[in-house]
Amino acid sequence: MTEPFDETIHAPNRLRICAFLDATTEAEFSALRDLLGVADSVLSKHLKVLQDAGHVEMTKPTGRGRVRTWVRLTPTGRTAYRNHVAALRALFDSPITDDQRSG
């Protein structure tokens, strides 16, 4: 049985966001923006899609200095990302027969 392929995560920038967040507890908005090399508005749109799907949560802790936005994968998001990666791996690991190539 293959893992579910997640169209929300699959978009290249969203896949990169999830991959980065899976490797850490949380990341600051500007670090993600710099990683992707996109404008704030582009990152905001991708994060909104992921947030609406329940994959990420964003916080703006207040304190001294500038308010920064922090992003983290939710437990649901982490599971969805890992399942998506497993689905991609299954595509690469599946043997393709000659009939499938010509069909």
PDB file of N, CA and C in Angstrom:
ATOM      1  N   MET A   1       0.844  -1.178   0.000  1.00  0.00           N
ATOM      2  CA  MET A   1       0.000   0.000   0.000  1.00  0.00           C
ATOM      3  C   MET A   1       0.894   1.248   0.000  1.00  0.00           C
ATOM      4  N   THR A   2       0.636   2.180  -0.897  1.00  0.00           N
ATOM      5  CA  THR A   2       1.444   3.384  -0.967  1.00  0.00           C
ATOM      6  C   THR A   2       0.894   4.453  -0.036  1.00  0.00           C
ATOM      7  N   GLU A   3       1.774   5.345   0.356  1.00  0.00           N
ATOM      8  CA  GLU A   3       1.377   6.461   1.214  1.00  0.00           C
ATOM      9  C   GLU A   3       0.676   7.519   0.371  1.00  0.00           C
ATOM     10  N   PRO A   4      -0.127   8.370   0.997  1.00  0.00           N
ATOM     11  CA  PRO A   4      -0.872   9.372   0.237  1.00  0.00           C
ATOM     12  C   PRO A   4       0.024  10.467  -0.348  1.00  0.00           C
ATOM     13  N   PHE A   5      -0.269  10.816  -1.579  1.00  0.00           N
ATOM     14  CA  PHE A   5       0.402  11.906  -2.283  1.00  0.00           C
ATOM     15  C   PHE A   5      -0.349  13.178  -1.923  1.00  0.00           C
ATOM     16  N   ASP A   6       0.338  14.201  -1.423  1.00  0.00           N
ATOM     17  CA  ASP A   6      -0.315  15.414  -0.932  1.00  0.00           C
ATOM     18  C   ASP A   6      -0.093  16.566  -1.897  1.00  0.00           C
ATOM     19  N   GLU A   7      -1.125  16.932  -2.640  1.00  0.00           N
ATOM     20  CA  GLU A   7      -1.041  18.018  -3.627  1.00  0.00           C
ATOM     21  C   GLU A   7      -0.676  19.350  -2.972  1.00  0.00           C
ATOM     22  N   THR A   8      -1.124  19.575  -1.746  1.00  0.00           N
ATOM     23  CA  THR A   8      -0.820  20.832  -1.052  1.00  0.00           C
ATOM     24  C   THR A   8       0.675  20.950  -0.798  1.00  0.00           C
ATOM     25  N   ILE A   9       1.281  19.892  -0.373  1.00  0.00           N
ATOM     26  CA  ILE A   9       2.718  19.900  -0.061  1.00  0.00           C
ATOM     27  C   ILE A   9       3.558  19.827  -1.333  1.00  0.00           C
ATOM     28  N   HIS A  10       3.039  19.221  -2.384  1.00  0.00           N
ATOM     29  CA  HIS A  10       3.835  18.916  -3.571  1.00  0.00           C
ATOM     30  C   HIS A  10       4.379  20.135  -4.324  1.00  0.00           C
ATOM     31  N   ALA A  11       3.718  21.270  -4.265  1.00  0.00           N
ATOM     32  CA  ALA A  11       4.224  22.463  -4.960  1.00  0.00           C
ATOM     33  C   ALA A  11       5.670  22.711  -4.515  1.00  0.00           C
ATOM     34  N   PRO A  12       6.579  22.984  -5.459  1.00  0.00           N
ATOM     35  CA  PRO A  12       8.010  23.039  -5.126  1.00  0.00           C
ATOM     36  C   PRO A  12       8.377  23.889  -3.902  1.00  0.00           C
ATOM     37  N   ASN A  13       7.874  25.109  -3.816  1.00  0.00           N
ATOM     38  CA  ASN A  13       8.229  25.939  -2.663  1.00  0.00           C
ATOM     39  C   ASN A  13       7.652  25.383  -1.367  1.00  0.00           C
ATOM     40  N   ARG A  14       6.440  24.864  -1.415  1.00  0.00           N
ATOM     41  CA  ARG A  14       5.849  24.302  -0.197  1.00  0.00           C
ATOM     42  C   ARG A  14       6.567  23.022   0.217  1.00  0.00           C
ATOM     43  N   LEU A  15       7.015  22.251  -0.742  1.00  0.00           N
ATOM     44  CA  LEU A  15       7.795  21.048  -0.434  1.00  0.00           C
ATOM     45  C   LEU A  15       9.112  21.435   0.244  1.00  0.00           C
ATOM     46  N   ARG A  16       9.747  22.464  -0.249  1.00  0.00           N
ATOM     47  CA  ARG A  16      11.004  22.933   0.357  1.00  0.00           C
ATOM     48  C   ARG A  16      10.768  23.487   1.764  1.00  0.00           C
ATOM     49  N   ILE A  17       9.666  24.209   1.951  1.00  0.00           N
ATOM     50  CA  ILE A  17       9.325  24.728   3.282  1.00  0.00           C
ATOM     51  C   ILE A  17       9.161  23.567   4.255  1.00  0.00           C
ATOM     52  N   CYS A  18       8.378  22.577   3.866  1.00  0.00           N
ATOM     53  CA  CYS A  18       8.130  21.423   4.740  1.00  0.00           C
ATOM     54  C   CYS A  18       9.411  20.645   5.023  1.00  0.00           C
ATOM     55  N   ALA A  19      10.244  20.479   4.016  1.00  0.00           N
ATOM     56  CA  ALA A  19      11.514  19.760   4.211  1.00  0.00           C
ATOM     57  C   ALA A  19      12.393  20.486   5.229  1.00  0.00           C
ATOM     58  N   PHE A  20      12.465  21.795   5.091  1.00  0.00           N
ATOM     59  CA  PHE A  20      13.277  22.582   6.023  1.00  0.00           C
ATOM     60  C   PHE A  20      12.705  22.496   7.437  1.00  0.00           C
ATOM     61  N   LEU A  21      11.389  22.652   7.560  1.00  0.00           N
ATOM     62  CA  LEU A  21      10.767  22.630   8.877  1.00  0.00           C
ATOM     63  C   LEU A  21      10.815  21.237   9.504  1.00  0.00           C
ATOM     64  N   ASP A  22      10.810  20.188   8.687  1.00  0.00           N
ATOM     65  CA  ASP A  22      10.897  18.832   9.221  1.00  0.00           C
ATOM     66  C   ASP A  22      12.245  18.585   9.889  1.00  0.00           C
ATOM     67  N   ALA A  23      13.251  19.319   9.467  1.00  0.00           N
ATOM     68  CA  ALA A  23      14.600  19.136  10.009  1.00  0.00           C
ATOM     69  C   ALA A  23      14.851  19.993  11.253  1.00  0.00           C
ATOM     70  N   THR A  24      13.868  20.774  11.655  1.00  0.00           N
ATOM     71  CA  THR A  24      14.055  21.666  12.792  1.00  0.00           C
ATOM     72  C   THR A  24      12.761  21.781  13.594  1.00  0.00           C
ATOM     73  N   THR A  25      12.836  22.439  14.725  1.00  0.00           N
ATOM     74  CA  THR A  25      11.647  22.654  15.539  1.00  0.00           C
ATOM     75  C   THR A  25      10.789  23.767  14.956  1.00  0.00           C
ATOM     76  N   GLU A  26      11.430  24.871  14.594  1.00  0.00           N
ATOM     77  CA  GLU A  26      10.744  26.000  14.001  1.00  0.00           C
ATOM     78  C   GLU A  26      11.761  26.867  13.274  1.00  0.00           C
ATOM     79  N   ALA A  27      11.260  27.738  12.417  1.00  0.00           N
ATOM     80  CA  ALA A  27      12.148  28.626  11.668  1.00  0.00           C
ATOM     81  C   ALA A  27      11.520  30.008  11.593  1.00  0.00           C
ATOM     82  N   GLU A  28      12.359  31.006  11.544  1.00  0.00           N
ATOM     83  CA  GLU A  28      11.897  32.381  11.420  1.00  0.00           C
ATOM     84  C   GLU A  28      11.529  32.671   9.970  1.00  0.00           C
ATOM     85  N   PHE A  29      10.503  33.468   9.765  1.00  0.00           N
ATOM     86  CA  PHE A  29       9.986  33.799   8.445  1.00  0.00           C
ATOM     87  C   PHE A  29      11.104  34.212   7.487  1.00  0.00           C
ATOM     88  N   SER A  30      11.991  35.099   7.941  1.00  0.00           N
ATOM     89  CA  SER A  30      13.036  35.605   7.045  1.00  0.00           C
ATOM     90  C   SER A  30      14.017  34.506   6.626  1.00  0.00           C
ATOM     91  N   ALA A  31      14.244  33.518   7.487  1.00  0.00           N
ATOM     92  CA  ALA A  31      15.125  32.409   7.120  1.00  0.00           C
ATOM     93  C   ALA A  31      14.502  31.591   6.000  1.00  0.00           C
ATOM     94  N   LEU A  32      13.194  31.364   6.085  1.00  0.00           N
ATOM     95  CA  LEU A  32      12.494  30.642   5.022  1.00  0.00           C
ATOM     96  C   LEU A  32      12.494  31.445   3.726  1.00  0.00           C
ATOM     97  N   ARG A  33      12.255  32.739   3.830  1.00  0.00           N
ATOM     98  CA  ARG A  33      12.260  33.613   2.655  1.00  0.00           C
ATOM     99  C   ARG A  33      13.619  33.564   1.955  1.00  0.00           C
ATOM    100  N   ASP A  34      14.680  33.660   2.744  1.00  0.00           N
ATOM    101  CA  ASP A  34      16.027  33.632   2.173  1.00  0.00           C
ATOM    102  C   ASP A  34      16.352  32.269   1.573  1.00  0.00           C
ATOM    103  N   LEU A  35      15.916  31.205   2.235  1.00  0.00           N
ATOM    104  CA  LEU A  35      16.133  29.849   1.721  1.00  0.00           C
ATOM    105  C   LEU A  35      15.501  29.685   0.342  1.00  0.00           C
ATOM    106  N   LEU A  36      14.270  30.166   0.202  1.00  0.00           N
ATOM    107  CA  LEU A  36      13.546  30.023  -1.056  1.00  0.00           C
ATOM    108  C   LEU A  36      13.944  31.072  -2.092  1.00  0.00           C
ATOM    109  N   GLY A  37      14.489  32.190  -1.629  1.00  0.00           N
ATOM    110  CA  GLY A  37      14.848  33.266  -2.550  1.00  0.00           C
ATOM    111  C   GLY A  37      13.618  33.925  -3.161  1.00  0.00           C
ATOM    112  N   VAL A  38      12.579  34.116  -2.351  1.00  0.00           N
ATOM    113  CA  VAL A  38      11.331  34.706  -2.830  1.00  0.00           C
ATOM    114  C   VAL A  38      11.000  35.962  -2.027  1.00  0.00           C
ATOM    115  N   ALA A  39      10.039  36.711  -2.525  1.00  0.00           N
ATOM    116  CA  ALA A  39       9.555  37.897  -1.820  1.00  0.00           C
ATOM    117  C   ALA A  39       8.697  37.478  -0.623  1.00  0.00           C
ATOM    118  N   ASP A  40       8.561  38.377   0.331  1.00  0.00           N
ATOM    119  CA  ASP A  40       7.722  38.110   1.500  1.00  0.00           C
ATOM    120  C   ASP A  40       6.312  37.688   1.095  1.00  0.00           C
ATOM    121  N   SER A  41       5.746  38.364   0.097  1.00  0.00           N
ATOM    122  CA  SER A  41       4.367  38.069  -0.312  1.00  0.00           C
ATOM    123  C   SER A  41       4.228  36.652  -0.863  1.00  0.00           C
ATOM    124  N   VAL A  42       5.241  36.186  -1.584  1.00  0.00           N
ATOM    125  CA  VAL A  42       5.205  34.822  -2.134  1.00  0.00           C
ATOM    126  C   VAL A  42       5.261  33.809  -0.995  1.00  0.00           C
ATOM    127  N   LEU A  43       6.170  34.018  -0.059  1.00  0.00           N
ATOM    128  CA  LEU A  43       6.261  33.099   1.080  1.00  0.00           C
ATOM    129  C   LEU A  43       4.973  33.127   1.890  1.00  0.00           C
ATOM    130  N   SER A  44       4.426  34.308   2.102  1.00  0.00           N
ATOM    131  CA  SER A  44       3.180  34.428   2.868  1.00  0.00           C
ATOM    132  C   SER A  44       2.065  33.608   2.236  1.00  0.00           C
ATOM    133  N   LYS A  45       1.956  33.664   0.924  1.00  0.00           N
ATOM    134  CA  LYS A  45       0.909  32.908   0.228  1.00  0.00           C
ATOM    135  C   LYS A  45       1.096  31.407   0.409  1.00  0.00           C
ATOM    136  N   HIS A  46       2.333  30.932   0.292  1.00  0.00           N
ATOM    137  CA  HIS A  46       2.598  29.501   0.471  1.00  0.00           C
ATOM    138  C   HIS A  46       2.312  29.073   1.909  1.00  0.00           C
ATOM    139  N   LEU A  47       2.722  29.897   2.867  1.00  0.00           N
ATOM    140  CA  LEU A  47       2.472  29.562   4.263  1.00  0.00           C
ATOM    141  C   LEU A  47       0.974  29.564   4.575  1.00  0.00           C
ATOM    142  N   LYS A  48       0.234  30.465   3.958  1.00  0.00           N
ATOM    143  CA  LYS A  48      -1.220  30.520   4.163  1.00  0.00           C
ATOM    144  C   LYS A  48      -1.874  29.225   3.672  1.00  0.00           C
ATOM    145  N   VAL A  49      -1.440  28.728   2.510  1.00  0.00           N
ATOM    146  CA  VAL A  49      -1.981  27.465   1.990  1.00  0.00           C
ATOM    147  C   VAL A  49      -1.673  26.326   2.964  1.00  0.00           C
ATOM    148  N   LEU A  50      -0.435  26.274   3.435  1.00  0.00           N
ATOM    149  CA  LEU A  50      -0.042  25.216   4.375  1.00  0.00           C
ATOM    150  C   LEU A  50      -0.785  25.359   5.706  1.00  0.00           C
ATOM    151  N   GLN A  51      -0.975  26.596   6.148  1.00  0.00           N
ATOM    152  CA  GLN A  51      -1.689  26.838   7.399  1.00  0.00           C
ATOM    153  C   GLN A  51      -3.159  26.443   7.266  1.00  0.00           C
ATOM    154  N   ASP A  52      -3.781  26.821   6.165  1.00  0.00           N
ATOM    155  CA  ASP A  52      -5.187  26.468   5.939  1.00  0.00           C
ATOM    156  C   ASP A  52      -5.391  24.954   5.907  1.00  0.00           C
ATOM    157  N   ALA A  53      -4.375  24.221   5.461  1.00  0.00           N
ATOM    158  CA  ALA A  53      -4.444  22.754   5.413  1.00  0.00           C
ATOM    159  C   ALA A  53      -4.112  22.127   6.772  1.00  0.00           C
ATOM    160  N   GLY A  54      -3.717  22.966   7.733  1.00  0.00           N
ATOM    161  CA  GLY A  54      -3.365  22.453   9.051  1.00  0.00           C
ATOM    162  C   GLY A  54      -1.957  21.902   9.150  1.00  0.00           C
ATOM    163  N   HIS A  55      -1.121  22.212   8.145  1.00  0.00           N
ATOM    164  CA  HIS A  55       0.239  21.675   8.118  1.00  0.00           C
ATOM    165  C   HIS A  55       1.258  22.517   8.891  1.00  0.00           C
ATOM    166  N   VAL A  56       1.035  23.826   8.971  1.00  0.00           N
ATOM    167  CA  VAL A  56       1.957  24.678   9.717  1.00  0.00           C
ATOM    168  C   VAL A  56       1.173  25.588  10.653  1.00  0.00           C
ATOM    169  N   GLU A  57       1.878  26.064  11.662  1.00  0.00           N
ATOM    170  CA  GLU A  57       1.328  27.111  12.513  1.00  0.00           C
ATOM    171  C   GLU A  57       2.368  28.210  12.623  1.00  0.00           C
ATOM    172  N   MET A  58       1.876  29.420  12.743  1.00  0.00           N
ATOM    173  CA  MET A  58       2.760  30.580  12.833  1.00  0.00           C
ATOM    174  C   MET A  58       2.479  31.320  14.128  1.00  0.00           C
ATOM    175  N   THR A  59       3.548  31.788  14.755  1.00  0.00           N
ATOM    176  CA  THR A  59       3.424  32.564  15.984  1.00  0.00           C
ATOM    177  C   THR A  59       4.274  33.816  15.867  1.00  0.00           C
ATOM    178  N   LYS A  60       3.853  34.835  16.598  1.00  0.00           N
ATOM    179  CA  LYS A  60       4.596  36.096  16.661  1.00  0.00           C
ATOM    180  C   LYS A  60       4.786  36.445  18.130  1.00  0.00           C
ATOM    181  N   PRO A  61       5.743  35.788  18.773  1.00  0.00           N
ATOM    182  CA  PRO A  61       5.950  36.090  20.193  1.00  0.00           C
ATOM    183  C   PRO A  61       6.404  37.541  20.371  1.00  0.00           C
ATOM    184  N   THR A  62       5.822  38.186  21.355  1.00  0.00           N
ATOM    185  CA  THR A  62       6.215  39.570  21.631  1.00  0.00           C
ATOM    186  C   THR A  62       7.275  39.577  22.713  1.00  0.00           C
ATOM    187  N   GLY A  63       8.014  40.609  22.738  1.00  0.00           N
ATOM    188  CA  GLY A  63       9.088  40.760  23.712  1.00  0.00           C
ATOM    189  C   GLY A  63       9.875  41.990  23.330  1.00  0.00           C
ATOM    190  N   ARG A  64      11.117  41.975  23.648  1.00  0.00           N
ATOM    191  CA  ARG A  64      11.966  43.115  23.311  1.00  0.00           C
ATOM    192  C   ARG A  64      12.329  43.072  21.842  1.00  0.00           C
ATOM    193  N   GLY A  65      12.369  44.254  21.251  1.00  0.00           N
ATOM    194  CA  GLY A  65      12.815  44.341  19.862  1.00  0.00           C
ATOM    195  C   GLY A  65      11.713  44.062  18.862  1.00  0.00           C
ATOM    196  N   ARG A  66      12.142  43.782  17.665  1.00  0.00           N
ATOM    197  CA  ARG A  66      11.240  43.566  16.528  1.00  0.00           C
ATOM    198  C   ARG A  66      10.444  42.269  16.691  1.00  0.00           C
ATOM    199  N   VAL A  67       9.173  42.324  16.338  1.00  0.00           N
ATOM    200  CA  VAL A  67       8.340  41.125  16.383  1.00  0.00           C
ATOM    201  C   VAL A  67       8.664  40.284  15.152  1.00  0.00           C
ATOM    202  N   ARG A  68       8.987  39.038  15.376  1.00  0.00           N
ATOM    203  CA  ARG A  68       9.332  38.120  14.294  1.00  0.00           C
ATOM    204  C   ARG A  68       8.270  37.026  14.202  1.00  0.00           C
ATOM    205  N   THR A  69       8.062  36.552  12.989  1.00  0.00           N
ATOM    206  CA  THR A  69       7.119  35.467  12.767  1.00  0.00           C
ATOM    207  C   THR A  69       7.885  34.150  12.726  1.00  0.00           C
ATOM    208  N   TRP A  70       7.444  33.212  13.544  1.00  0.00           N
ATOM    209  CA  TRP A  70       8.048  31.887  13.601  1.00  0.00           C
ATOM    210  C   TRP A  70       7.074  30.871  13.026  1.00  0.00           C
ATOM    211  N   VAL A  71       7.626  29.906  12.304  1.00  0.00           N
ATOM    212  CA  VAL A  71       6.814  28.909  11.607  1.00  0.00           C
ATOM    213  C   VAL A  71       7.271  27.525  12.044  1.00  0.00           C
ATOM    214  N   ARG A  72       6.297  26.649  12.261  1.00  0.00           N
ATOM    215  CA  ARG A  72       6.628  25.262  12.610  1.00  0.00           C
ATOM    216  C   ARG A  72       5.614  24.330  11.974  1.00  0.00           C
ATOM    217  N   LEU A  73       6.053  23.110  11.691  1.00  0.00           N
ATOM    218  CA  LEU A  73       5.130  22.080  11.226  1.00  0.00           C
ATOM    219  C   LEU A  73       4.267  21.642  12.400  1.00  0.00           C
ATOM    220  N   THR A  74       3.002  21.440  12.151  1.00  0.00           N
ATOM    221  CA  THR A  74       2.135  20.830  13.156  1.00  0.00           C
ATOM    222  C   THR A  74       2.399  19.324  13.131  1.00  0.00           C
ATOM    223  N   PRO A  75       1.963  18.609  14.152  1.00  0.00           N
ATOM    224  CA  PRO A  75       2.108  17.141  14.084  1.00  0.00           C
ATOM    225  C   PRO A  75       1.433  16.566  12.836  1.00  0.00           C
ATOM    226  N   THR A  76       0.276  17.106  12.492  1.00  0.00           N
ATOM    227  CA  THR A  76      -0.425  16.664  11.279  1.00  0.00           C
ATOM    228  C   THR A  76       0.404  16.977  10.042  1.00  0.00           C
ATOM    229  N   GLY A  77       1.004  18.165  10.014  1.00  0.00           N
ATOM    230  CA  GLY A  77       1.835  18.570   8.884  1.00  0.00           C
ATOM    231  C   GLY A  77       3.075  17.711   8.739  1.00  0.00           C
ATOM    232  N   ARG A  78       3.691  17.394   9.860  1.00  0.00           N
ATOM    233  CA  ARG A  78       4.894  16.548   9.826  1.00  0.00           C
ATOM    234  C   ARG A  78       4.544  15.166   9.270  1.00  0.00           C
ATOM    235  N   THR A  79       3.423  14.617   9.726  1.00  0.00           N
ATOM    236  CA  THR A  79       2.980  13.315   9.222  1.00  0.00           C
ATOM    237  C   THR A  79       2.654  13.390   7.733  1.00  0.00           C
ATOM    238  N   ALA A  80       1.937  14.441   7.334  1.00  0.00           N
ATOM    239  CA  ALA A  80       1.573  14.601   5.919  1.00  0.00           C
ATOM    240  C   ALA A  80       2.819  14.737   5.057  1.00  0.00           C
ATOM    241  N   TYR A  81       3.801  15.513   5.513  1.00  0.00           N
ATOM    242  CA  TYR A  81       5.054  15.679   4.758  1.00  0.00           C
ATOM    243  C   TYR A  81       5.781  14.342   4.620  1.00  0.00           C
ATOM    244  N   ARG A  82       5.918  13.638   5.707  1.00  0.00           N
ATOM    245  CA  ARG A  82       6.641  12.359   5.664  1.00  0.00           C
ATOM    246  C   ARG A  82       5.910  11.332   4.807  1.00  0.00           C
ATOM    247  N   ASN A  83       4.576  11.341   4.861  1.00  0.00           N
ATOM    248  CA  ASN A  83       3.808  10.447   3.993  1.00  0.00           C
ATOM    249  C   ASN A  83       3.974  10.828   2.528  1.00  0.00           C
ATOM    250  N   HIS A  84       4.046  12.126   2.260  1.00  0.00           N
ATOM    251  CA  HIS A  84       4.231  12.593   0.889  1.00  0.00           C
ATOM    252  C   HIS A  84       5.604  12.152   0.362  1.00  0.00           C
ATOM    253  N   VAL A  85       6.621  12.298   1.183  1.00  0.00           N
ATOM    254  CA  VAL A  85       7.968  11.855   0.790  1.00  0.00           C
ATOM    255  C   VAL A  85       7.968  10.347   0.535  1.00  0.00           C
ATOM    256  N   ALA A  86       7.276   9.598   1.375  1.00  0.00           N
ATOM    257  CA  ALA A  86       7.195   8.146   1.175  1.00  0.00           C
ATOM    258  C   ALA A  86       6.497   7.825  -0.140  1.00  0.00           C
ATOM    259  N   ALA A  87       5.456   8.608  -0.485  1.00  0.00           N
ATOM    260  CA  ALA A  87       4.750   8.395  -1.755  1.00  0.00           C
ATOM    261  C   ALA A  87       5.666   8.698  -2.938  1.00  0.00           C
ATOM    262  N   LEU A  88       6.461   9.739  -2.821  1.00  0.00           N
ATOM    263  CA  LEU A  88       7.420  10.062  -3.894  1.00  0.00           C
ATOM    264  C   LEU A  88       8.464   8.952  -4.032  1.00  0.00           C
ATOM    265  N   ARG A  89       8.968   8.492  -2.899  1.00  0.00           N
ATOM    266  CA  ARG A  89       9.963   7.404  -2.944  1.00  0.00           C
ATOM    267  C   ARG A  89       9.369   6.160  -3.585  1.00  0.00           C
ATOM    268  N   ALA A  90       8.117   5.878  -3.283  1.00  0.00           N
ATOM    269  CA  ALA A  90       7.453   4.698  -3.854  1.00  0.00           C
ATOM    270  C   ALA A  90       7.379   4.813  -5.376  1.00  0.00           C
ATOM    271  N   LEU A  91       7.204   6.032  -5.881  1.00  0.00           N
ATOM    272  CA  LEU A  91       7.196   6.224  -7.336  1.00  0.00           C
ATOM    273  C   LEU A  91       8.534   5.842  -7.948  1.00  0.00           C
ATOM    274  N   PHE A  92       9.607   6.222  -7.269  1.00  0.00           N
ATOM    275  CA  PHE A  92      10.942   5.931  -7.788  1.00  0.00           C
ATOM    276  C   PHE A  92      11.344   4.478  -7.586  1.00  0.00           C
ATOM    277  N   ASP A  93      10.797   3.870  -6.545  1.00  0.00           N
ATOM    278  CA  ASP A  93      11.148   2.487  -6.236  1.00  0.00           C
ATOM    279  C   ASP A  93      10.316   1.479  -7.004  1.00  0.00           C
ATOM    280  N   SER A  94       9.232   1.929  -7.635  1.00  0.00           N
ATOM    281  CA  SER A  94       8.354   1.014  -8.375  1.00  0.00           C
ATOM    282  C   SER A  94       9.023   0.587  -9.670  1.00  0.00           C
ATOM    283  N   PRO A  95       9.103  -0.709  -9.899  1.00  0.00           N
ATOM    284  CA  PRO A  95       9.659  -1.152 -11.180  1.00  0.00           C
ATOM    285  C   PRO A  95       8.664  -0.847 -12.310  1.00  0.00           C
ATOM    286  N   ILE A  96       9.177  -0.385 -13.409  1.00  0.00           N
ATOM    287  CA  ILE A  96       8.351  -0.102 -14.579  1.00  0.00           C
ATOM    288  C   ILE A  96       8.595  -1.216 -15.589  1.00  0.00           C
ATOM    289  N   THR A  97       7.524  -1.846 -15.985  1.00  0.00           N
ATOM    290  CA  THR A  97       7.644  -2.940 -16.943  1.00  0.00           C
ATOM    291  C   THR A  97       7.682  -2.388 -18.371  1.00  0.00           C
ATOM    292  N   ASP A  98       8.119  -3.207 -19.318  1.00  0.00           N
ATOM    293  CA  ASP A  98       8.146  -2.790 -20.721  1.00  0.00           C
ATOM    294  C   ASP A  98       6.754  -2.434 -21.215  1.00  0.00           C
ATOM    295  N   ASP A  99       5.731  -3.160 -20.766  1.00  0.00           N
ATOM    296  CA  ASP A  99       4.357  -2.874 -21.157  1.00  0.00           C
ATOM    297  C   ASP A  99       3.938  -1.474 -20.702  1.00  0.00           C
ATOM    298  N   GLN A 100       4.355  -1.072 -19.511  1.00  0.00           N
ATOM    299  CA  GLN A 100       3.999   0.253 -19.005  1.00  0.00           C
ATOM    300  C   GLN A 100       4.727   1.353 -19.795  1.00  0.00           C
ATOM    301  N   ARG A 101       5.963   1.091 -20.200  1.00  0.00           N
ATOM    302  CA  ARG A 101       6.728   2.085 -20.966  1.00  0.00           C
ATOM    303  C   ARG A 101       6.099   2.343 -22.322  1.00  0.00           C
ATOM    304  N   SER A 102       5.632   1.294 -22.949  1.00  0.00           N
ATOM    305  CA  SER A 102       5.098   1.446 -24.302  1.00  0.00           C
ATOM    306  C   SER A 102       3.609   1.797 -24.317  1.00  0.00           C
ATOM    307  N   GLY A 103       2.969   1.712 -23.183  1.00  0.00           N
ATOM    308  CA  GLY A 103       1.536   1.867 -23.126  1.00  0.00           C
ATOM    309  C   GLY A 103       1.062   3.210 -22.956  1.00  0.00           C
TER     310      GLY A 103
END
